[in-house]
C-alpha atoms as a PDB file:
ATOM      1  CA  MET A   1       0.000   0.000   0.000  1.00  0.00           C
ATOM      2  CA  LEU A   2       1.427   3.376  -1.064  1.00  0.00           C
ATOM      3  CA  ILE A   3       0.474   6.405   1.027  1.00  0.00           C
ATOM      4  CA  ILE A   4       1.369   9.965   0.038  1.00  0.00           C
ATOM      5  CA  SER A   5       1.419  13.022   2.301  1.00  0.00           C
ATOM      6  CA  TRP A   6       1.755  16.585   1.019  1.00  0.00           C
ATOM      7  CA  ASN A   7       1.286  20.020   2.528  1.00  0.00           C
ATOM      8  CA  VAL A   8       0.059  21.780  -0.593  1.00  0.00           C
ATOM      9  CA  ALA A   9      -0.139  25.309   0.901  1.00  0.00           C
ATOM     10  CA  GLY A  10      -3.574  25.731  -0.655  1.00  0.00           C
ATOM     11  CA  MET A  11      -5.292  23.086  -2.768  1.00  0.00           C
ATOM     12  CA  ARG A  12      -6.533  25.445  -5.457  1.00  0.00           C
ATOM     13  CA  ALA A  13      -3.098  27.029  -5.872  1.00  0.00           C
ATOM     14  CA  CYS A  14      -1.387  23.634  -6.022  1.00  0.00           C
ATOM     15  CA  LEU A  15      -3.848  22.391  -8.636  1.00  0.00           C
ATOM     16  CA  ARG A  16      -2.694  25.248 -10.844  1.00  0.00           C
ATOM     17  CA  LYS A  17       0.899  24.115 -10.313  1.00  0.00           C
ATOM     18  CA  GLY A  18       0.609  20.467 -11.327  1.00  0.00           C
ATOM     19  CA  PHE A  19      -1.023  18.678  -8.382  1.00  0.00           C
ATOM     20  CA  ALA A  20      -3.251  16.556 -10.625  1.00  0.00           C
ATOM     21  CA  ASP A  21      -0.309  15.397 -12.749  1.00  0.00           C
ATOM     22  CA  PHE A  22       1.592  14.154  -9.704  1.00  0.00           C
ATOM     23  CA  PHE A  23      -1.551  12.591  -8.220  1.00  0.00           C
ATOM     24  CA  GLU A  24      -2.271  10.609 -11.361  1.00  0.00           C
ATOM     25  CA  LYS A  25       1.346   9.608 -11.923  1.00  0.00           C
ATOM     26  CA  ILE A  26       1.917   8.342  -8.375  1.00  0.00           C
ATOM     27  CA  ASN A  27      -1.385   6.382  -8.236  1.00  0.00           C
ATOM     28  CA  ALA A  28      -1.374   6.167  -4.420  1.00  0.00           C
ATOM     29  CA  ASP A  29      -3.754   4.025  -2.420  1.00  0.00           C
ATOM     30  CA  ILE A  30      -4.191   6.874   0.054  1.00  0.00           C
ATOM     31  CA  PHE A  31      -3.259  10.490  -0.701  1.00  0.00           C
ATOM     32  CA  CYS A  32      -3.242  12.916   2.242  1.00  0.00           C
ATOM     33  CA  VAL A  33      -3.260  16.687   1.912  1.00  0.00           C
ATOM     34  CA  GLN A  34      -2.495  19.245   4.593  1.00  0.00           C
ATOM     35  CA  GLU A  35      -3.172  22.980   4.508  1.00  0.00           C
ATOM     36  CA  SER A  36      -5.905  22.374   1.957  1.00  0.00           C
ATOM     37  CA  LYS A  37      -7.548  25.790   2.616  1.00  0.00           C
ATOM     38  CA  ILE A  38     -10.715  24.688   0.836  1.00  0.00           C
ATOM     39  CA  THR A  39     -14.388  23.941   1.467  1.00  0.00           C
ATOM     40  CA  ASP A  40     -16.389  21.084  -0.008  1.00  0.00           C
ATOM     41  CA  ALA A  41     -18.118  23.453  -2.404  1.00  0.00           C
ATOM     42  CA  GLU A  42     -14.716  24.660  -3.660  1.00  0.00           C
ATOM     43  CA  LEU A  43     -13.204  21.201  -4.160  1.00  0.00           C
ATOM     44  CA  ASP A  44     -13.181  20.545  -7.890  1.00  0.00           C
ATOM     45  CA  PHE A  45     -10.612  17.725  -7.954  1.00  0.00           C
ATOM     46  CA  ARG A  46     -12.591  14.506  -7.433  1.00  0.00           C
ATOM     47  CA  PRO A  47     -10.800  11.623  -9.195  1.00  0.00           C
ATOM     48  CA  GLU A  48     -12.681   8.399  -9.870  1.00  0.00           C
ATOM     49  CA  GLY A  49     -11.971   5.415  -7.653  1.00  0.00           C
ATOM     50  CA  TYR A  50     -11.286   7.443  -4.502  1.00  0.00           C
ATOM     51  CA  GLU A  51     -13.328   8.115  -1.395  1.00  0.00           C
ATOM     52  CA  ILE A  52     -12.893  11.763  -0.360  1.00  0.00           C
ATOM     53  CA  TYR A  53     -12.708  12.989   3.219  1.00  0.00           C
ATOM     54  CA  LEU A  54     -12.391  16.748   3.695  1.00  0.00           C
ATOM     55  CA  TYR A  55     -12.014  18.549   7.022  1.00  0.00           C
ATOM     56  CA  PRO A  56     -12.005  22.319   6.487  1.00  0.00           C
ATOM     57  CA  ALA A  57     -11.195  24.861   9.155  1.00  0.00           C
ATOM     58  CA  LYS A  58     -14.035  27.018  10.395  1.00  0.00           C
ATOM     59  CA  LYS A  59     -12.014  30.042   9.238  1.00  0.00           C
ATOM     60  CA  LYS A  60     -12.215  30.160   5.450  1.00  0.00           C
ATOM     61  CA  GLY A  61      -8.943  29.828   3.529  1.00  0.00           C
ATOM     62  CA  TYR A  62      -7.032  28.507   6.529  1.00  0.00           C
ATOM     63  CA  ALA A  63      -5.443  25.169   7.503  1.00  0.00           C
ATOM     64  CA  GLY A  64      -7.599  22.091   6.784  1.00  0.00           C
ATOM     65  CA  THR A  65      -6.904  18.485   5.817  1.00  0.00           C
ATOM     66  CA  LEU A  66      -8.078  16.257   2.980  1.00  0.00           C
ATOM     67  CA  VAL A  67      -7.747  12.552   2.187  1.00  0.00           C
ATOM     68  CA  TYR A  68      -8.299  10.645  -1.057  1.00  0.00           C
ATOM     69  CA  SER A  69      -8.494   6.905  -0.400  1.00  0.00           C
ATOM     70  CA  LYS A  70      -9.012   3.853  -2.586  1.00  0.00           C
ATOM     71  CA  LYS A  71      -9.179   1.798   0.592  1.00  0.00           C
ATOM     72  CA  LYS A  72     -12.505   2.589   2.246  1.00  0.00           C
ATOM     73  CA  PRO A  73     -12.277   2.749   6.046  1.00  0.00           C
ATOM     74  CA  ILE A  74     -14.876   1.290   8.365  1.00  0.00           C
ATOM     75  CA  ASN A  75     -15.131   4.636  10.150  1.00  0.00           C
ATOM     76  CA  VAL A  76     -13.848   8.206   9.785  1.00  0.00           C
ATOM     77  CA  THR A  77     -13.689  10.845  12.514  1.00  0.00           C
ATOM     78  CA  TYR A  78     -12.636  14.474  12.404  1.00  0.00           C
ATOM     79  CA  GLY A  79     -10.635  16.237  15.084  1.00  0.00           C
ATOM     80  CA  MET A  80      -9.606  14.877  18.478  1.00  0.00           C
ATOM     81  CA  GLY A  81     -12.713  15.742  20.476  1.00  0.00           C
ATOM     82  CA  VAL A  82     -11.287  18.937  21.986  1.00  0.00           C
ATOM     83  CA  GLU A  83     -13.318  21.934  20.859  1.00  0.00           C
ATOM     84  CA  GLU A  84     -10.556  24.531  20.938  1.00  0.00           C
ATOM     85  CA  HIS A  85      -8.481  22.391  18.539  1.00  0.00           C
ATOM     86  CA  ASP A  86     -11.227  21.094  16.316  1.00  0.00           C
ATOM     87  CA  LEU A  87     -12.086  24.409  14.649  1.00  0.00           C
ATOM     88  CA  GLU A  88      -9.027  24.291  12.390  1.00  0.00           C
ATOM     89  CA  GLY A  89      -9.532  21.023  10.491  1.00  0.00           C
ATOM     90  CA  ARG A  90      -6.244  19.475  11.536  1.00  0.00           C
ATOM     91  CA  ILE A  91      -6.850  15.724  12.084  1.00  0.00           C
ATOM     92  CA  ILE A  92      -8.657  13.080  10.064  1.00  0.00           C
ATOM     93  CA  THR A  93      -8.732   9.599  11.638  1.00  0.00           C
ATOM     94  CA  MET A  94      -9.499   6.595   9.450  1.00  0.00           C
ATOM     95  CA  GLU A  95     -10.273   3.313  11.162  1.00  0.00           C
ATOM     96  CA  TYR A  96      -9.550   0.040   9.377  1.00  0.00           C
ATOM     97  CA  PRO A  97     -10.066  -3.501  10.709  1.00  0.00           C
ATOM     98  CA  ASP A  98      -6.496  -3.859  11.984  1.00  0.00           C
ATOM     99  CA  PHE A  99      -5.229  -0.297  12.498  1.00  0.00           C
ATOM    100  CA  TYR A 100      -5.954   3.413  12.700  1.00  0.00           C
ATOM    101  CA  PHE A 101      -4.427   5.802  10.174  1.00  0.00           C
ATOM    102  CA  LEU A 102      -4.365   9.570  10.695  1.00  0.00           C
ATOM    103  CA  THR A 103      -3.322  12.588   8.728  1.00  0.00           C
ATOM    104  CA  LEU A 104      -2.306  15.679  10.707  1.00  0.00           C
ATOM    105  CA  TYR A 105      -1.545  19.312  10.129  1.00  0.00           C
ATOM    106  CA  VAL A 106       0.058  20.354  13.389  1.00  0.00           C
ATOM    107  CA  PRO A 107      -0.274  24.041  14.379  1.00  0.00           C
ATOM    108  CA  ASN A 108       2.649  26.350  13.774  1.00  0.00           C
ATOM    109  CA  SER A 109       3.872  28.441  16.700  1.00  0.00           C
ATOM    110  CA  LYS A 110       4.152  31.513  14.446  1.00  0.00           C
ATOM    111  CA  ARG A 111       6.822  34.171  14.487  1.00  0.00           C
ATOM    112  CA  GLU A 112       8.038  35.306  17.883  1.00  0.00           C
ATOM    113  CA  LEU A 113       6.533  31.992  19.126  1.00  0.00           C
ATOM    114  CA  LEU A 114       3.225  33.741  19.750  1.00  0.00           C
ATOM    115  CA  ARG A 115       1.372  30.426  19.627  1.00  0.00           C
ATOM    116  CA  LEU A 116       3.890  28.229  21.426  1.00  0.00           C
ATOM    117  CA  ASP A 117       1.768  27.803  24.574  1.00  0.00           C
ATOM    118  CA  TYR A 118      -1.190  26.747  22.436  1.00  0.00           C
ATOM    119  CA  ARG A 119       1.037  24.343  20.500  1.00  0.00           C
ATOM    120  CA  MET A 120       2.156  22.717  23.759  1.00  0.00           C
ATOM    121  CA  LYS A 121      -1.481  22.203  24.784  1.00  0.00           C
ATOM    122  CA  TRP A 122      -2.250  20.760  21.351  1.00  0.00           C
ATOM    123  CA  GLU A 123       0.679  18.350  21.664  1.00  0.00           C
ATOM    124  CA  ASP A 124      -0.464  17.121  25.078  1.00  0.00           C
ATOM    125  CA  ASP A 125      -4.033  16.601  23.920  1.00  0.00           C
ATOM    126  CA  PHE A 126      -2.894  14.840  20.757  1.00  0.00           C
ATOM    127  CA  PHE A 127      -0.674  12.510  22.785  1.00  0.00           C
ATOM    128  CA  ASN A 128      -3.658  11.575  24.950  1.00  0.00           C
ATOM    129  CA  TYR A 129      -5.801  11.052  21.851  1.00  0.00           C
ATOM    130  CA  LEU A 130      -3.146   8.810  20.328  1.00  0.00           C
ATOM    131  CA  LYS A 131      -2.896   6.674  23.459  1.00  0.00           C
ATOM    132  CA  LYS A 132      -6.673   6.192  23.548  1.00  0.00           C
ATOM    133  CA  LEU A 133      -6.696   4.960  19.959  1.00  0.00           C
ATOM    134  CA  GLU A 134      -3.761   2.689  20.689  1.00  0.00           C
ATOM    135  CA  GLU A 135      -5.761   0.882  23.376  1.00  0.00           C
ATOM    136  CA  LYS A 136      -7.888  -0.598  20.583  1.00  0.00           C
ATOM    137  CA  LYS A 137      -5.451  -1.226  17.720  1.00  0.00           C
ATOM    138  CA  PRO A 138      -2.086  -0.010  16.321  1.00  0.00           C
ATOM    139  CA  VAL A 139      -1.850   3.532  14.975  1.00  0.00           C
ATOM    140  CA  PHE A 140       0.238   5.285  12.363  1.00  0.00           C
ATOM    141  CA  TYR A 141       0.032   8.769  10.984  1.00  0.00           C
ATOM    142  CA  CYS A 142       1.469  11.241   8.502  1.00  0.00           C
ATOM    143  CA  GLY A 143       1.556  14.928   7.890  1.00  0.00           C
ATOM    144  CA  ASP A 144       3.208  18.272   8.373  1.00  0.00           C
ATOM    145  CA  LEU A 145       4.228  18.057  12.030  1.00  0.00           C
ATOM    146  CA  ASN A 146       5.836  21.507  12.001  1.00  0.00           C
ATOM    147  CA  VAL A 147       8.967  20.358  13.833  1.00  0.00           C
ATOM    148  CA  CYS A 148      12.499  19.353  12.915  1.00  0.00           C
ATOM    149  CA  HIS A 149      13.258  16.672  15.451  1.00  0.00           C
ATOM    150  CA  GLN A 150      17.047  16.541  15.292  1.00  0.00           C
ATOM    151  CA  GLU A 151      19.852  18.793  14.088  1.00  0.00           C
ATOM    152  CA  ILE A 152      20.254  16.570  11.015  1.00  0.00           C
ATOM    153  CA  ASP A 153      16.709  17.572  10.035  1.00  0.00           C
ATOM    154  CA  ILE A 154      17.482  21.262   9.512  1.00  0.00           C
ATOM    155  CA  ALA A 155      20.129  23.000   7.413  1.00  0.00           C
ATOM    156  CA  ASN A 156      21.147  25.613   9.993  1.00  0.00           C
ATOM    157  CA  PRO A 157      20.389  24.231  13.458  1.00  0.00           C
ATOM    158  CA  LYS A 158      22.381  26.685  15.538  1.00  0.00           C
ATOM    159  CA  ALA A 159      20.840  29.715  13.851  1.00  0.00           C
ATOM    160  CA  ASN A 160      17.306  28.367  14.368  1.00  0.00           C
ATOM    161  CA  VAL A 161      17.237  27.282  18.010  1.00  0.00           C
ATOM    162  CA  ARG A 162      14.293  29.606  18.759  1.00  0.00           C
ATOM    163  CA  SER A 163      12.689  29.419  15.343  1.00  0.00           C
ATOM    164  CA  ALA A 164       9.114  28.153  15.290  1.00  0.00           C
ATOM    165  CA  GLY A 165       9.899  24.703  13.849  1.00  0.00           C
ATOM    166  CA  PHE A 166      12.967  23.924  15.948  1.00  0.00           C
ATOM    167  CA  THR A 167      12.288  24.906  19.540  1.00  0.00           C
ATOM    168  CA  ILE A 168      13.419  22.496  22.217  1.00  0.00           C
ATOM    169  CA  GLU A 169       9.861  22.421  23.547  1.00  0.00           C
ATOM    170  CA  LYS A 170       8.464  21.042  20.287  1.00  0.00           C
ATOM    171  CA  ARG A 171      11.320  18.623  19.809  1.00  0.00           C
ATOM    172  CA  GLU A 172      10.778  17.243  23.307  1.00  0.00           C
ATOM    173  CA  LYS A 173       7.073  16.680  22.626  1.00  0.00           C
ATOM    174  CA  PHE A 174       7.949  14.680  19.520  1.00  0.00           C
ATOM    175  CA  SER A 175      10.565  12.738  21.492  1.00  0.00           C
ATOM    176  CA  LYS A 176       7.872  11.858  24.020  1.00  0.00           C
ATOM    177  CA  ILE A 177       5.803  10.191  21.305  1.00  0.00           C
ATOM    178  CA  LEU A 178       8.826   8.295  19.985  1.00  0.00           C
ATOM    179  CA  ASP A 179       9.708   7.212  23.530  1.00  0.00           C
ATOM    180  CA  ASN A 180       6.231   5.754  23.934  1.00  0.00           C
ATOM    181  CA  GLY A 181       6.210   3.094  21.267  1.00  0.00           C
ATOM    182  CA  TYR A 182       6.401   5.041  17.988  1.00  0.00           C
ATOM    183  CA  VAL A 183       8.997   5.406  15.236  1.00  0.00           C
ATOM    184  CA  ASP A 184       9.895   8.169  12.795  1.00  0.00           C
ATOM    185  CA  ALA A 185       9.803   5.917   9.729  1.00  0.00           C
ATOM    186  CA  TYR A 186      12.203   7.932   7.582  1.00  0.00           C
ATOM    187  CA  ARG A 187      14.841   8.289  10.284  1.00  0.00           C
ATOM    188  CA  TYR A 188      14.441   4.607  11.243  1.00  0.00           C
ATOM    189  CA  LEU A 189      15.358   3.591   7.693  1.00  0.00           C
ATOM    190  CA  ASN A 190      17.864   6.408   7.109  1.00  0.00           C
ATOM    191  CA  PRO A 191      19.608   7.173  10.411  1.00  0.00           C
ATOM    192  CA  ASP A 192      22.323   9.385   8.904  1.00  0.00           C
ATOM    193  CA  LYS A 193      20.813  10.746   5.697  1.00  0.00           C
ATOM    194  CA  VAL A 194      20.133  14.454   5.239  1.00  0.00           C
ATOM    195  CA  MET A 195      16.796  15.080   3.554  1.00  0.00           C
ATOM    196  CA  TYR A 196      14.441  18.062   3.715  1.00  0.00           C
ATOM    197  CA  THR A 197      10.751  18.508   2.902  1.00  0.00           C
ATOM    198  CA  TRP A 198      10.265  22.293   3.241  1.00  0.00           C
ATOM    199  CA  TRP A 199      12.175  25.281   1.910  1.00  0.00           C
ATOM    200  CA  SER A 200      11.563  28.992   2.392  1.00  0.00           C
ATOM    201  CA  TYR A 201      10.696  30.960  -0.727  1.00  0.00           C
ATOM    202  CA  PHE A 202      13.392  33.453   0.227  1.00  0.00           C
ATOM    203  CA  ALA A 203      17.020  33.549  -0.932  1.00  0.00           C
ATOM    204  CA  ARG A 204      16.683  30.612  -3.369  1.00  0.00           C
ATOM    205  CA  SER A 205      16.493  28.247  -0.397  1.00  0.00           C
ATOM    206  CA  ARG A 206      15.161  25.307  -2.375  1.00  0.00           C
ATOM    207  CA  GLU A 207      17.677  25.758  -5.155  1.00  0.00           C
ATOM    208  CA  ARG A 208      20.466  25.758  -2.550  1.00  0.00           C
ATOM    209  CA  ASN A 209      18.761  22.987  -0.511  1.00  0.00           C
ATOM    210  CA  VAL A 210      18.682  25.057   2.663  1.00  0.00           C
ATOM    211  CA  GLY A 211      15.700  23.245   4.082  1.00  0.00           C
ATOM    212  CA  TRP A 212      13.833  21.701   6.977  1.00  0.00           C
ATOM    213  CA  ARG A 213      12.340  18.218   7.429  1.00  0.00           C
ATOM    214  CA  LEU A 214       8.855  19.012   8.715  1.00  0.00           C
ATOM    215  CA  ASP A 215       6.842  16.167   7.133  1.00  0.00           C
ATOM    216  CA  TYR A 216       6.761  12.654   8.583  1.00  0.00           C
ATOM    217  CA  PHE A 217       5.313   9.195   8.739  1.00  0.00           C
ATOM    218  CA  VAL A 218       5.144   7.974  12.338  1.00  0.00           C
ATOM    219  CA  LEU A 219       4.390   4.309  13.037  1.00  0.00           C
ATOM    220  CA  SER A 220       3.530   2.285  16.073  1.00  0.00           C
ATOM    221  CA  GLU A 221       6.417  -0.101  16.734  1.00  0.00           C
ATOM    222  CA  LYS A 222       3.876  -2.901  16.320  1.00  0.00           C
ATOM    223  CA  LEU A 223       3.636  -2.005  12.625  1.00  0.00           C
ATOM    224  CA  LEU A 224       7.376  -1.985  11.921  1.00  0.00           C
ATOM    225  CA  PRO A 225       7.356  -5.518  10.443  1.00  0.00           C
ATOM    226  CA  HIS A 226       5.061  -4.124   7.717  1.00  0.00           C
ATOM    227  CA  LEU A 227       7.252  -1.107   6.849  1.00  0.00           C
ATOM    228  CA  LYS A 228       8.908  -1.336   3.431  1.00  0.00           C
ATOM    229  CA  GLU A 229      10.164   2.100   2.332  1.00  0.00           C
ATOM    230  CA  VAL A 230       9.792   5.852   2.770  1.00  0.00           C
ATOM    231  CA  TYR A 231      10.149   8.222  -0.189  1.00  0.00           C
ATOM    232  CA  THR A 232      10.833  11.943  -0.480  1.00  0.00           C
ATOM    233  CA  TYR A 233       9.724  13.473  -3.784  1.00  0.00           C
ATOM    234  CA  ASN A 234      11.854  16.594  -3.498  1.00  0.00           C
ATOM    235  CA  GLU A 235      11.799  17.172  -7.256  1.00  0.00           C
ATOM    236  CA  VAL A 236       8.028  17.790  -7.151  1.00  0.00           C
ATOM    237  CA  MET A 237       7.090  21.465  -7.092  1.00  0.00           C
ATOM    238  CA  GLY A 238       3.735  23.097  -6.465  1.00  0.00           C
ATOM    239  CA  SER A 239       4.235  24.031  -2.813  1.00  0.00           C
ATOM    240  CA  ASP A 240       6.975  25.112  -0.428  1.00  0.00           C
ATOM    241  CA  HIS A 241       6.753  21.516   0.881  1.00  0.00           C
ATOM    242  CA  CYS A 242       7.450  18.440  -1.233  1.00  0.00           C
ATOM    243  CA  PRO A 243       5.394  15.225  -1.039  1.00  0.00           C
ATOM    244  CA  ILE A 244       6.556  12.226   0.952  1.00  0.00           C
ATOM    245  CA  GLY A 245       5.514   8.594   0.531  1.00  0.00           C
ATOM    246  CA  LEU A 246       5.249   5.416   2.569  1.00  0.00           C
ATOM    247  CA  ASP A 247       5.246   1.862   1.225  1.00  0.00           C
ATOM    248  CA  ILE A 248       3.702  -0.399   3.845  1.00  0.00           C
ATOM    249  CA  ASP A 249       2.400  -3.962   3.600  1.00  0.00           C
ATOM    250  CA  LEU A 250      -1.054  -3.769   5.169  1.00  0.00           C
END
């Protein structure tokens, strides 16, 4: 089963920049979109053979998640059941007979870390949500997690210690998840490889590969025997993020 995850920085904008071509070429079983910024009435891309699950933010043109799936789940839920978080369309949970699969768009702390306290609350509530799901069956998830976990995951670690995606607070929250039975699939398979998934539009950052690894697949350790490969499609344009892929035998 091939799963794709891509923060498209606006679905309508990305469609104008080749989204459909990549979608059709990759032929994923599940294709997850973050920062869709779109309502159901505005969603024109509806390919045959896919179930569509859209979770827009209450605020128009902001955040949101979207999933195209050939593999129909037995149940789909939206959000984590915490009202203050569930206005921004950030989590879609798909339940299958033997596992849960989620796509996430984790909140950014913004410049000057204005939203860091909120992000910490979101992280704690998400951790609790994850553990509740795990009581029933294994869980794995993908998305823009808005954190570079280790120094290898960011081009200029020392210059970005208090930047929104590299604060120690965020990195520790991600470590907590990994210390509680989960694995960063890319880093598990590539312990020493430098690879980025986001580049600023400024100063030719993508051209110079001055990037950040903000996009992940995270698996319950129970699912590791099914993990085959993780891909980074850094040649694919259309957003300031590139798509990532997971090949898993489920």
